C-alpha atoms as a PDB file:
ATOM      1  CA  UNK A   1      -0.052   0.054   0.004  1.00  0.00           C
ATOM      2  CA  UNK A   2       2.826   2.462   0.787  1.00  0.00           C
ATOM      3  CA  UNK A   3       4.797   1.795  -2.254  1.00  0.00           C
ATOM      4  CA  UNK A   4       2.768   4.078  -4.743  1.00  0.00           C
ATOM      5  CA  UNK A   5       2.666   6.728  -2.118  1.00  0.00           C
ATOM      6  CA  UNK A   6       6.388   6.705  -1.612  1.00  0.00           C
ATOM      7  CA  UNK A   7       6.811   6.776  -5.420  1.00  0.00           C
ATOM      8  CA  UNK A   8       4.654   9.830  -5.678  1.00  0.00           C
ATOM      9  CA  UNK A   9       6.676  11.598  -2.887  1.00  0.00           C
ATOM     10  CA  UNK A  10      10.037  10.539  -4.592  1.00  0.00           C
ATOM     11  CA  UNK A  11       8.607  11.972  -7.971  1.00  0.00           C
ATOM     12  CA  UNK A  12       7.612  15.210  -6.119  1.00  0.00           C
ATOM     13  CA  UNK A  13      11.300  15.624  -4.994  1.00  0.00           C
ATOM     14  CA  UNK A  14      12.977  14.337  -8.123  1.00  0.00           C
ATOM     15  CA  UNK A  15      14.797  17.373  -9.104  1.00  0.00           C
ATOM     16  CA  UNK A  16      15.990  18.215  -5.568  1.00  0.00           C
ATOM     17  CA  UNK A  17      19.476  16.954  -4.827  1.00  0.00           C
ATOM     18  CA  UNK A  18      19.063  17.591  -1.080  1.00  0.00           C
ATOM     19  CA  UNK A  19      16.158  15.178  -0.676  1.00  0.00           C
ATOM     20  CA  UNK A  20      16.528  11.326  -0.902  1.00  0.00           C
ATOM     21  CA  UNK A  21      13.660   9.098  -0.768  1.00  0.00           C
ATOM     22  CA  UNK A  22      14.760   5.438   0.200  1.00  0.00           C
ATOM     23  CA  UNK A  23      12.774   2.225   0.907  1.00  0.00           C
ATOM     24  CA  UNK A  24      14.407  -0.480   2.955  1.00  0.00           C
ATOM     25  CA  UNK A  25      13.264  -4.095   3.023  1.00  0.00           C
ATOM     26  CA  UNK A  26      13.344  -4.778   6.939  1.00  0.00           C
ATOM     27  CA  UNK A  27      13.383  -8.538   6.353  1.00  0.00           C
ATOM     28  CA  UNK A  28      16.617  -8.167   4.382  1.00  0.00           C
ATOM     29  CA  UNK A  29      18.014  -5.448   6.694  1.00  0.00           C
ATOM     30  CA  UNK A  30      17.146  -6.759  10.106  1.00  0.00           C
ATOM     31  CA  UNK A  31      20.256  -4.961  11.907  1.00  0.00           C
ATOM     32  CA  UNK A  32      19.086  -1.673  10.376  1.00  0.00           C
ATOM     33  CA  UNK A  33      15.323  -2.277  11.486  1.00  0.00           C
ATOM     34  CA  UNK A  34      16.748  -3.172  15.013  1.00  0.00           C
ATOM     35  CA  UNK A  35      18.781  -0.149  15.184  1.00  0.00           C
ATOM     36  CA  UNK A  36      15.862   2.080  14.402  1.00  0.00           C
ATOM     37  CA  UNK A  37      13.541   0.147  16.714  1.00  0.00           C
ATOM     38  CA  UNK A  38      11.171  -0.712  13.765  1.00  0.00           C
ATOM     39  CA  UNK A  39       8.234  -2.744  15.363  1.00  0.00           C
ATOM     40  CA  UNK A  40       5.388  -1.909  12.919  1.00  0.00           C
ATOM     41  CA  UNK A  41       5.287  -2.034   9.073  1.00  0.00           C
ATOM     42  CA  UNK A  42       5.217   0.443   7.554  1.00  0.00           C
ATOM     43  CA  UNK A  43       7.349   2.772   9.465  1.00  0.00           C
ATOM     44  CA  UNK A  44       8.566   6.011   7.738  1.00  0.00           C
ATOM     45  CA  UNK A  45      11.459   8.043   9.225  1.00  0.00           C
ATOM     46  CA  UNK A  46      12.334  11.414   8.181  1.00  0.00           C
ATOM     47  CA  UNK A  47      15.854  12.136   8.595  1.00  0.00           C
ATOM     48  CA  UNK A  48      18.032  15.275   8.591  1.00  0.00           C
ATOM     49  CA  UNK A  49      21.720  15.566   8.617  1.00  0.00           C
ATOM     50  CA  UNK A  50      21.873  11.772   9.394  1.00  0.00           C
ATOM     51  CA  UNK A  51      19.640  12.112  12.416  1.00  0.00           C
ATOM     52  CA  UNK A  52      15.927  10.877  12.679  1.00  0.00           C
ATOM     53  CA  UNK A  53      13.809  13.923  13.311  1.00  0.00           C
ATOM     54  CA  UNK A  54      10.398  12.308  12.943  1.00  0.00           C
ATOM     55  CA  UNK A  55       8.779   8.823  12.727  1.00  0.00           C
ATOM     56  CA  UNK A  56       5.423   7.928  11.317  1.00  0.00           C
ATOM     57  CA  UNK A  57       3.886   4.504  11.752  1.00  0.00           C
ATOM     58  CA  UNK A  58       1.200   3.319   9.236  1.00  0.00           C
ATOM     59  CA  UNK A  59       0.230   4.550   5.830  1.00  0.00           C
ATOM     60  CA  UNK A  60      -0.126   8.141   5.470  1.00  0.00           C
ATOM     61  CA  UNK A  61      -1.315  10.228   2.376  1.00  0.00           C
ATOM     62  CA  UNK A  62       1.453  11.579   0.292  1.00  0.00           C
ATOM     63  CA  UNK A  63       0.820  15.170   1.184  1.00  0.00           C
ATOM     64  CA  UNK A  64       1.510  14.371   4.812  1.00  0.00           C
ATOM     65  CA  UNK A  65       5.047  13.174   3.892  1.00  0.00           C
ATOM     66  CA  UNK A  66       5.547  16.129   1.628  1.00  0.00           C
ATOM     67  CA  UNK A  67       4.330  18.603   4.425  1.00  0.00           C
ATOM     68  CA  UNK A  68       6.967  16.994   6.825  1.00  0.00           C
ATOM     69  CA  UNK A  69       9.858  17.246   4.319  1.00  0.00           C
ATOM     70  CA  UNK A  70       8.979  20.769   3.152  1.00  0.00           C
ATOM     71  CA  UNK A  71       8.866  21.884   6.666  1.00  0.00           C
ATOM     72  CA  UNK A  72      12.406  20.758   7.205  1.00  0.00           C
ATOM     73  CA  UNK A  73      13.538  22.307   3.945  1.00  0.00           C
ATOM     74  CA  UNK A  74      12.089  25.614   5.142  1.00  0.00           C
ATOM     75  CA  UNK A  75      13.778  25.461   8.572  1.00  0.00           C
END
């Protein structure tokens, strides 16, 4: 369910070099999932300068993710 939404968000930021949208398979990357304490799927982290600044659990609409990212870009 989240895949098409993440693709929409990635397309929105396609031309911006300072924004990267990354999907990680937690089954294949269990160490990373443990490091970020992922307990529910989907979990979406918003990172800035290598630090997690927000976490959203469950599927959100694309505009929710875009709003979070835009807020960080404006700050």
